[in-house]
Amino acid sequence: CAWAVASTGSVVLYHSGPQGLLPS
């Protein structure tokens, strides 16, 4: 992940490479 947020229990992913966010 790029970063995670404690107050919301969230993770943030950035688009990367030709596959993008497919595994998530």
mmCIF file of all heavy atoms, coordinates in Angstrom:
data_MODEL
# 
_entry.id   MODEL 
# 
loop_
_atom_site.group_PDB 
_atom_site.id 
_atom_site.type_symbol 
_atom_site.label_atom_id 
_atom_site.label_alt_id 
_atom_site.label_comp_id 
_atom_site.label_asym_id 
_atom_site.label_entity_id 
_atom_site.label_seq_id 
_atom_site.pdbx_PDB_ins_code 
_atom_site.Cartn_x 
_atom_site.Cartn_y 
_atom_site.Cartn_z 
_atom_site.occupancy 
_atom_site.B_iso_or_equiv 
_atom_site.pdbx_formal_charge 
_atom_site.auth_seq_id 
_atom_site.auth_comp_id 
_atom_site.auth_asym_id 
_atom_site.auth_atom_id 
_atom_site.pdbx_PDB_model_num 
ATOM 1   N N   . CYS A 1 1  ? 0.858   -1.187 0.000   1.00 0.00 ? 1  CYS A N   1 
ATOM 2   C CA  . CYS A 1 1  ? 0.000   0.000  0.000   1.00 0.00 ? 1  CYS A CA  1 
ATOM 3   C C   . CYS A 1 1  ? 0.890   1.231  0.000   1.00 0.00 ? 1  CYS A C   1 
ATOM 4   O O   . CYS A 1 1  ? 2.082   1.144  0.291   1.00 0.00 ? 1  CYS A O   1 
ATOM 5   C CB  . CYS A 1 1  ? -0.949  0.002  1.194   1.00 0.00 ? 1  CYS A CB  1 
ATOM 6   S SG  . CYS A 1 1  ? -0.181  0.300  2.790   1.00 0.00 ? 1  CYS A SG  1 
ATOM 7   N N   . ALA A 1 2  ? 0.318   2.367  -0.336  1.00 0.00 ? 2  ALA A N   1 
ATOM 8   C CA  . ALA A 1 2  ? 1.055   3.623  -0.300  1.00 0.00 ? 2  ALA A CA  1 
ATOM 9   C C   . ALA A 1 2  ? 1.078   4.162  1.121   1.00 0.00 ? 2  ALA A C   1 
ATOM 10  O O   . ALA A 1 2  ? 2.101   4.651  1.585   1.00 0.00 ? 2  ALA A O   1 
ATOM 11  C CB  . ALA A 1 2  ? 0.418   4.633  -1.246  1.00 0.00 ? 2  ALA A CB  1 
ATOM 12  N N   . TRP A 1 3  ? -0.080  4.092  1.802   1.00 0.00 ? 3  TRP A N   1 
ATOM 13  C CA  . TRP A 1 3  ? -0.202  4.505  3.190   1.00 0.00 ? 3  TRP A CA  1 
ATOM 14  C C   . TRP A 1 3  ? -1.493  3.952  3.757   1.00 0.00 ? 3  TRP A C   1 
ATOM 15  O O   . TRP A 1 3  ? -2.342  3.452  3.023   1.00 0.00 ? 3  TRP A O   1 
ATOM 16  C CB  . TRP A 1 3  ? -0.107  6.017  3.374   1.00 0.00 ? 3  TRP A CB  1 
ATOM 17  C CG  . TRP A 1 3  ? -0.759  6.885  2.330   1.00 0.00 ? 3  TRP A CG  1 
ATOM 18  C CD1 . TRP A 1 3  ? -0.237  7.207  1.102   1.00 0.00 ? 3  TRP A CD1 1 
ATOM 19  C CD2 . TRP A 1 3  ? -2.025  7.548  2.401   1.00 0.00 ? 3  TRP A CD2 1 
ATOM 20  N NE1 . TRP A 1 3  ? -1.103  8.025  0.419   1.00 0.00 ? 3  TRP A NE1 1 
ATOM 21  C CE2 . TRP A 1 3  ? -2.210  8.256  1.198   1.00 0.00 ? 3  TRP A CE2 1 
ATOM 22  C CE3 . TRP A 1 3  ? -3.017  7.641  3.357   1.00 0.00 ? 3  TRP A CE3 1 
ATOM 23  C CZ2 . TRP A 1 3  ? -3.339  9.023  0.922   1.00 0.00 ? 3  TRP A CZ2 1 
ATOM 24  C CZ3 . TRP A 1 3  ? -4.146  8.404  3.089   1.00 0.00 ? 3  TRP A CZ3 1 
ATOM 25  C CH2 . TRP A 1 3  ? -4.293  9.083  1.889   1.00 0.00 ? 3  TRP A CH2 1 
ATOM 26  N N   . ALA A 1 4  ? -1.614  4.011  5.078   1.00 0.00 ? 4  ALA A N   1 
ATOM 27  C CA  . ALA A 1 4  ? -2.799  3.522  5.784   1.00 0.00 ? 4  ALA A CA  1 
ATOM 28  C C   . ALA A 1 4  ? -3.238  4.590  6.777   1.00 0.00 ? 4  ALA A C   1 
ATOM 29  O O   . ALA A 1 4  ? -2.417  5.374  7.251   1.00 0.00 ? 4  ALA A O   1 
ATOM 30  C CB  . ALA A 1 4  ? -2.489  2.218  6.512   1.00 0.00 ? 4  ALA A CB  1 
ATOM 31  N N   . VAL A 1 5  ? -4.531  4.614  7.079   1.00 0.00 ? 5  VAL A N   1 
ATOM 32  C CA  . VAL A 1 5  ? -5.092  5.644  7.950   1.00 0.00 ? 5  VAL A CA  1 
ATOM 33  C C   . VAL A 1 5  ? -5.651  4.998  9.214   1.00 0.00 ? 5  VAL A C   1 
ATOM 34  O O   . VAL A 1 5  ? -6.570  4.185  9.155   1.00 0.00 ? 5  VAL A O   1 
ATOM 35  C CB  . VAL A 1 5  ? -6.213  6.431  7.240   1.00 0.00 ? 5  VAL A CB  1 
ATOM 36  C CG1 . VAL A 1 5  ? -6.732  7.553  8.132   1.00 0.00 ? 5  VAL A CG1 1 
ATOM 37  C CG2 . VAL A 1 5  ? -5.729  6.972  5.901   1.00 0.00 ? 5  VAL A CG2 1 
ATOM 38  N N   . ALA A 1 6  ? -5.089  5.379  10.354  1.00 0.00 ? 6  ALA A N   1 
ATOM 39  C CA  . ALA A 1 6  ? -5.515  4.803  11.631  1.00 0.00 ? 6  ALA A CA  1 
ATOM 40  C C   . ALA A 1 6  ? -6.954  5.174  11.972  1.00 0.00 ? 6  ALA A C   1 
ATOM 41  O O   . ALA A 1 6  ? -7.737  4.321  12.396  1.00 0.00 ? 6  ALA A O   1 
ATOM 42  C CB  . ALA A 1 6  ? -4.569  5.267  12.751  1.00 0.00 ? 6  ALA A CB  1 
ATOM 43  N N   . SER A 1 7  ? -7.336  6.434  11.786  1.00 0.00 ? 7  SER A N   1 
ATOM 44  C CA  . SER A 1 7  ? -8.659  6.897  12.226  1.00 0.00 ? 7  SER A CA  1 
ATOM 45  C C   . SER A 1 7  ? -9.811  6.274  11.457  1.00 0.00 ? 7  SER A C   1 
ATOM 46  O O   . SER A 1 7  ? -10.930 6.221  11.959  1.00 0.00 ? 7  SER A O   1 
ATOM 47  C CB  . SER A 1 7  ? -8.748  8.423  12.140  1.00 0.00 ? 7  SER A CB  1 
ATOM 48  O OG  . SER A 1 7  ? -8.642  8.846  10.798  1.00 0.00 ? 7  SER A OG  1 
ATOM 49  N N   . THR A 1 8  ? -9.540  5.788  10.234  1.00 0.00 ? 8  THR A N   1 
ATOM 50  C CA  . THR A 1 8  ? -10.613 5.184  9.424   1.00 0.00 ? 8  THR A CA  1 
ATOM 51  C C   . THR A 1 8  ? -10.409 3.693  9.187   1.00 0.00 ? 8  THR A C   1 
ATOM 52  O O   . THR A 1 8  ? -11.302 3.041  8.646   1.00 0.00 ? 8  THR A O   1 
ATOM 53  C CB  . THR A 1 8  ? -10.719 5.882  8.052   1.00 0.00 ? 8  THR A CB  1 
ATOM 54  O OG1 . THR A 1 8  ? -9.487  5.706  7.341   1.00 0.00 ? 8  THR A OG1 1 
ATOM 55  C CG2 . THR A 1 8  ? -11.049 7.350  8.200   1.00 0.00 ? 8  THR A CG2 1 
ATOM 56  N N   . GLY A 1 9  ? -9.242  3.154  9.537   1.00 0.00 ? 9  GLY A N   1 
ATOM 57  C CA  . GLY A 1 9  ? -8.965  1.749  9.267   1.00 0.00 ? 9  GLY A CA  1 
ATOM 58  C C   . GLY A 1 9  ? -8.911  1.463  7.777   1.00 0.00 ? 9  GLY A C   1 
ATOM 59  O O   . GLY A 1 9  ? -9.378  0.434  7.312   1.00 0.00 ? 9  GLY A O   1 
ATOM 60  N N   . SER A 1 10 ? -8.323  2.387  7.023   1.00 0.00 ? 10 SER A N   1 
ATOM 61  C CA  . SER A 1 10 ? -8.277  2.275  5.564   1.00 0.00 ? 10 SER A CA  1 
ATOM 62  C C   . SER A 1 10 ? -6.839  2.152  5.074   1.00 0.00 ? 10 SER A C   1 
ATOM 63  O O   . SER A 1 10 ? -5.910  2.604  5.738   1.00 0.00 ? 10 SER A O   1 
ATOM 64  C CB  . SER A 1 10 ? -8.889  3.530  4.917   1.00 0.00 ? 10 SER A CB  1 
ATOM 65  O OG  . SER A 1 10 ? -10.185 3.762  5.381   1.00 0.00 ? 10 SER A OG  1 
ATOM 66  N N   . VAL A 1 11 ? -6.693  1.566  3.885   1.00 0.00 ? 11 VAL A N   1 
ATOM 67  C CA  . VAL A 1 11 ? -5.404  1.555  3.205   1.00 0.00 ? 11 VAL A CA  1 
ATOM 68  C C   . VAL A 1 11 ? -5.582  2.230  1.851   1.00 0.00 ? 11 VAL A C   1 
ATOM 69  O O   . VAL A 1 11 ? -6.670  2.199  1.267   1.00 0.00 ? 11 VAL A O   1 
ATOM 70  C CB  . VAL A 1 11 ? -4.824  0.130  3.030   1.00 0.00 ? 11 VAL A CB  1 
ATOM 71  C CG1 . VAL A 1 11 ? -4.474  -0.480 4.364   1.00 0.00 ? 11 VAL A CG1 1 
ATOM 72  C CG2 . VAL A 1 11 ? -5.752  -0.767 2.250   1.00 0.00 ? 11 VAL A CG2 1 
ATOM 73  N N   . VAL A 1 12 ? -4.508  2.842  1.361   1.00 0.00 ? 12 VAL A N   1 
ATOM 74  C CA  . VAL A 1 12 ? -4.550  3.542  0.081   1.00 0.00 ? 12 VAL A CA  1 
ATOM 75  C C   . VAL A 1 12 ? -3.517  2.910  -0.842  1.00 0.00 ? 12 VAL A C   1 
ATOM 76  O O   . VAL A 1 12 ? -2.364  2.724  -0.461  1.00 0.00 ? 12 VAL A O   1 
ATOM 77  C CB  . VAL A 1 12 ? -4.271  5.048  0.265   1.00 0.00 ? 12 VAL A CB  1 
ATOM 78  C CG1 . VAL A 1 12 ? -4.215  5.764  -1.080  1.00 0.00 ? 12 VAL A CG1 1 
ATOM 79  C CG2 . VAL A 1 12 ? -5.322  5.671  1.175   1.00 0.00 ? 12 VAL A CG2 1 
ATOM 80  N N   . LEU A 1 13 ? -3.963  2.575  -2.044  1.00 0.00 ? 13 LEU A N   1 
ATOM 81  C CA  . LEU A 1 13 ? -3.089  2.025  -3.069  1.00 0.00 ? 13 LEU A CA  1 
ATOM 82  C C   . LEU A 1 13 ? -3.045  2.993  -4.234  1.00 0.00 ? 13 LEU A C   1 
ATOM 83  O O   . LEU A 1 13 ? -4.045  3.655  -4.541  1.00 0.00 ? 13 LEU A O   1 
ATOM 84  C CB  . LEU A 1 13 ? -3.630  0.683  -3.575  1.00 0.00 ? 13 LEU A CB  1 
ATOM 85  C CG  . LEU A 1 13 ? -3.412  -0.556 -2.720  1.00 0.00 ? 13 LEU A CG  1 
ATOM 86  C CD1 . LEU A 1 13 ? -4.179  -0.498 -1.434  1.00 0.00 ? 13 LEU A CD1 1 
ATOM 87  C CD2 . LEU A 1 13 ? -3.812  -1.787 -3.497  1.00 0.00 ? 13 LEU A CD2 1 
ATOM 88  N N   . TYR A 1 14 ? -1.887  3.086  -4.898  1.00 0.00 ? 14 TYR A N   1 
ATOM 89  C CA  . TYR A 1 14 ? -1.747  3.880  -6.114  1.00 0.00 ? 14 TYR A CA  1 
ATOM 90  C C   . TYR A 1 14 ? -1.691  2.932  -7.293  1.00 0.00 ? 14 TYR A C   1 
ATOM 91  O O   . TYR A 1 14 ? -1.209  1.802  -7.177  1.00 0.00 ? 14 TYR A O   1 
ATOM 92  C CB  . TYR A 1 14 ? -0.456  4.701  -6.104  1.00 0.00 ? 14 TYR A CB  1 
ATOM 93  C CG  . TYR A 1 14 ? -0.329  5.726  -5.004  1.00 0.00 ? 14 TYR A CG  1 
ATOM 94  C CD1 . TYR A 1 14 ? 0.919   6.090  -4.532  1.00 0.00 ? 14 TYR A CD1 1 
ATOM 95  C CD2 . TYR A 1 14 ? -1.439  6.360  -4.447  1.00 0.00 ? 14 TYR A CD2 1 
ATOM 96  C CE1 . TYR A 1 14 ? 1.069   7.050  -3.543  1.00 0.00 ? 14 TYR A CE1 1 
ATOM 97  C CE2 . TYR A 1 14 ? -1.311  7.315  -3.454  1.00 0.00 ? 14 TYR A CE2 1 
ATOM 98  C CZ  . TYR A 1 14 ? -0.058  7.645  -3.002  1.00 0.00 ? 14 TYR A CZ  1 
ATOM 99  O OH  . TYR A 1 14 ? 0.084   8.594  -2.017  1.00 0.00 ? 14 TYR A OH  1 
ATOM 100 N N   . HIS A 1 15 ? -2.126  3.415  -8.426  1.00 0.00 ? 15 HIS A N   1 
ATOM 101 C CA  . HIS A 1 15 ? -2.003  2.659  -9.668  1.00 0.00 ? 15 HIS A CA  1 
ATOM 102 C C   . HIS A 1 15 ? -0.525  2.469  -9.963  1.00 0.00 ? 15 HIS A C   1 
ATOM 103 O O   . HIS A 1 15 ? 0.270   3.397  -9.830  1.00 0.00 ? 15 HIS A O   1 
ATOM 104 C CB  . HIS A 1 15 ? -2.654  3.438  -10.803 1.00 0.00 ? 15 HIS A CB  1 
ATOM 105 C CG  . HIS A 1 15 ? -2.571  2.750  -12.124 1.00 0.00 ? 15 HIS A CG  1 
ATOM 106 N ND1 . HIS A 1 15 ? -1.459  2.808  -12.916 1.00 0.00 ? 15 HIS A ND1 1 
ATOM 107 C CD2 . HIS A 1 15 ? -3.458  1.976  -12.766 1.00 0.00 ? 15 HIS A CD2 1 
ATOM 108 C CE1 . HIS A 1 15 ? -1.666  2.102  -14.020 1.00 0.00 ? 15 HIS A CE1 1 
ATOM 109 N NE2 . HIS A 1 15 ? -2.871  1.585  -13.944 1.00 0.00 ? 15 HIS A NE2 1 
ATOM 110 N N   . SER A 1 16 ? -0.132  1.251  -10.322 1.00 0.00 ? 16 SER A N   1 
ATOM 111 C CA  . SER A 1 16 ? 1.275   1.031  -10.647 1.00 0.00 ? 16 SER A CA  1 
ATOM 112 C C   . SER A 1 16 ? 1.404   0.001  -11.756 1.00 0.00 ? 16 SER A C   1 
ATOM 113 O O   . SER A 1 16 ? 0.808   -1.058 -11.704 1.00 0.00 ? 16 SER A O   1 
ATOM 114 C CB  . SER A 1 16 ? 2.052   0.554  -9.409  1.00 0.00 ? 16 SER A CB  1 
ATOM 115 O OG  . SER A 1 16 ? 1.517   -0.650 -8.940  1.00 0.00 ? 16 SER A OG  1 
ATOM 116 N N   . GLY A 1 17 ? 2.158   0.348  -12.760 1.00 0.00 ? 17 GLY A N   1 
ATOM 117 C CA  . GLY A 1 17 ? 2.461   -0.581 -13.832 1.00 0.00 ? 17 GLY A CA  1 
ATOM 118 C C   . GLY A 1 17 ? 1.269   -0.909 -14.713 1.00 0.00 ? 17 GLY A C   1 
ATOM 119 O O   . GLY A 1 17 ? 0.161   -0.411 -14.525 1.00 0.00 ? 17 GLY A O   1 
ATOM 120 N N   . PRO A 1 18 ? 1.487   -1.777 -15.685 1.00 0.00 ? 18 PRO A N   1 
ATOM 121 C CA  . PRO A 1 18 ? 0.439   -2.099 -16.647 1.00 0.00 ? 18 PRO A CA  1 
ATOM 122 C C   . PRO A 1 18 ? -0.735  -2.877 -16.033 1.00 0.00 ? 18 PRO A C   1 
ATOM 123 O O   . PRO A 1 18 ? -1.831  -2.855 -16.566 1.00 0.00 ? 18 PRO A O   1 
ATOM 124 C CB  . PRO A 1 18 ? 1.156   -2.937 -17.711 1.00 0.00 ? 18 PRO A CB  1 
ATOM 125 C CG  . PRO A 1 18 ? 2.366   -3.470 -17.029 1.00 0.00 ? 18 PRO A CG  1 
ATOM 126 C CD  . PRO A 1 18 ? 2.738   -2.453 -15.980 1.00 0.00 ? 18 PRO A CD  1 
ATOM 127 N N   . GLN A 1 19 ? -0.529  -3.566 -14.917 1.00 0.00 ? 19 GLN A N   1 
ATOM 128 C CA  . GLN A 1 19 ? -1.600  -4.341 -14.302 1.00 0.00 ? 19 GLN A CA  1 
ATOM 129 C C   . GLN A 1 19 ? -2.490  -3.471 -13.418 1.00 0.00 ? 19 GLN A C   1 
ATOM 130 O O   . GLN A 1 19 ? -3.550  -3.893 -12.992 1.00 0.00 ? 19 GLN A O   1 
ATOM 131 C CB  . GLN A 1 19 ? -1.040  -5.504 -13.473 1.00 0.00 ? 19 GLN A CB  1 
ATOM 132 C CG  . GLN A 1 19 ? -0.422  -6.592 -14.313 1.00 0.00 ? 19 GLN A CG  1 
ATOM 133 C CD  . GLN A 1 19 ? 0.976   -6.232 -14.774 1.00 0.00 ? 19 GLN A CD  1 
ATOM 134 O OE1 . GLN A 1 19 ? 1.700   -5.519 -14.116 1.00 0.00 ? 19 GLN A OE1 1 
ATOM 135 N NE2 . GLN A 1 19 ? 1.344   -6.715 -15.946 1.00 0.00 ? 19 GLN A NE2 1 
ATOM 136 N N   . GLY A 1 20 ? -2.042  -2.280 -13.081 1.00 0.00 ? 20 GLY A N   1 
ATOM 137 C CA  . GLY A 1 20 ? -2.844  -1.383 -12.265 1.00 0.00 ? 20 GLY A CA  1 
ATOM 138 C C   . GLY A 1 20 ? -3.168  -1.962 -10.907 1.00 0.00 ? 20 GLY A C   1 
ATOM 139 O O   . GLY A 1 20 ? -2.299  -2.455 -10.208 1.00 0.00 ? 20 GLY A O   1 
ATOM 140 N N   . LEU A 1 21 ? -4.419  -1.898 -10.542 1.00 0.00 ? 21 LEU A N   1 
ATOM 141 C CA  . LEU A 1 21 ? -4.879  -2.331 -9.225  1.00 0.00 ? 21 LEU A CA  1 
ATOM 142 C C   . LEU A 1 21 ? -5.552  -3.698 -9.265  1.00 0.00 ? 21 LEU A C   1 
ATOM 143 O O   . LEU A 1 21 ? -6.249  -4.075 -8.325  1.00 0.00 ? 21 LEU A O   1 
ATOM 144 C CB  . LEU A 1 21 ? -5.826  -1.271 -8.655  1.00 0.00 ? 21 LEU A CB  1 
ATOM 145 C CG  . LEU A 1 21 ? -5.200  0.115  -8.467  1.00 0.00 ? 21 LEU A CG  1 
ATOM 146 C CD1 . LEU A 1 21 ? -6.264  1.158  -8.193  1.00 0.00 ? 21 LEU A CD1 1 
ATOM 147 C CD2 . LEU A 1 21 ? -4.178  0.086  -7.358  1.00 0.00 ? 21 LEU A CD2 1 
ATOM 148 N N   . LEU A 1 22 ? -5.362  -4.453 -10.333 1.00 0.00 ? 22 LEU A N   1 
ATOM 149 C CA  . LEU A 1 22 ? -6.057  -5.735 -10.514 1.00 0.00 ? 22 LEU A CA  1 
ATOM 150 C C   . LEU A 1 22 ? -5.951  -6.696 -9.335  1.00 0.00 ? 22 LEU A C   1 
ATOM 151 O O   . LEU A 1 22 ? -6.960  -7.285 -8.943  1.00 0.00 ? 22 LEU A O   1 
ATOM 152 C CB  . LEU A 1 22 ? -5.583  -6.436 -11.792 1.00 0.00 ? 22 LEU A CB  1 
ATOM 153 C CG  . LEU A 1 22 ? -5.958  -5.766 -13.106 1.00 0.00 ? 22 LEU A CG  1 
ATOM 154 C CD1 . LEU A 1 22 ? -5.384  -6.556 -14.277 1.00 0.00 ? 22 LEU A CD1 1 
ATOM 155 C CD2 . LEU A 1 22 ? -7.445  -5.615 -13.236 1.00 0.00 ? 22 LEU A CD2 1 
ATOM 156 N N   . PRO A 1 23 ? -4.767  -6.890 -8.727  1.00 0.00 ? 23 PRO A N   1 
ATOM 157 C CA  . PRO A 1 23 ? -4.698  -7.851 -7.618  1.00 0.00 ? 23 PRO A CA  1 
ATOM 158 C C   . PRO A 1 23 ? -5.512  -7.452 -6.393  1.00 0.00 ? 23 PRO A C   1 
ATOM 159 O O   . PRO A 1 23 ? -5.813  -8.280 -5.546  1.00 0.00 ? 23 PRO A O   1 
ATOM 160 C CB  . PRO A 1 23 ? -3.211  -7.909 -7.272  1.00 0.00 ? 23 PRO A CB  1 
ATOM 161 C CG  . PRO A 1 23 ? -2.515  -7.425 -8.489  1.00 0.00 ? 23 PRO A CG  1 
ATOM 162 C CD  . PRO A 1 23 ? -3.441  -6.412 -9.097  1.00 0.00 ? 23 PRO A CD  1 
ATOM 163 N N   . SER A 1 24 ? -5.889  -6.179 -6.304  1.00 0.00 ? 24 SER A N   1 
ATOM 164 C CA  . SER A 1 24 ? -6.688  -5.733 -5.162  1.00 0.00 ? 24 SER A CA  1 
ATOM 165 C C   . SER A 1 24 ? -8.176  -5.668 -5.487  1.00 0.00 ? 24 SER A C   1 
ATOM 166 O O   . SER A 1 24 ? -8.989  -5.432 -4.593  1.00 0.00 ? 24 SER A O   1 
ATOM 167 C CB  . SER A 1 24 ? -6.221  -4.350 -4.693  1.00 0.00 ? 24 SER A CB  1 
ATOM 168 O OG  . SER A 1 24 ? -6.531  -3.364 -5.660  1.00 0.00 ? 24 SER A OG  1 
# 
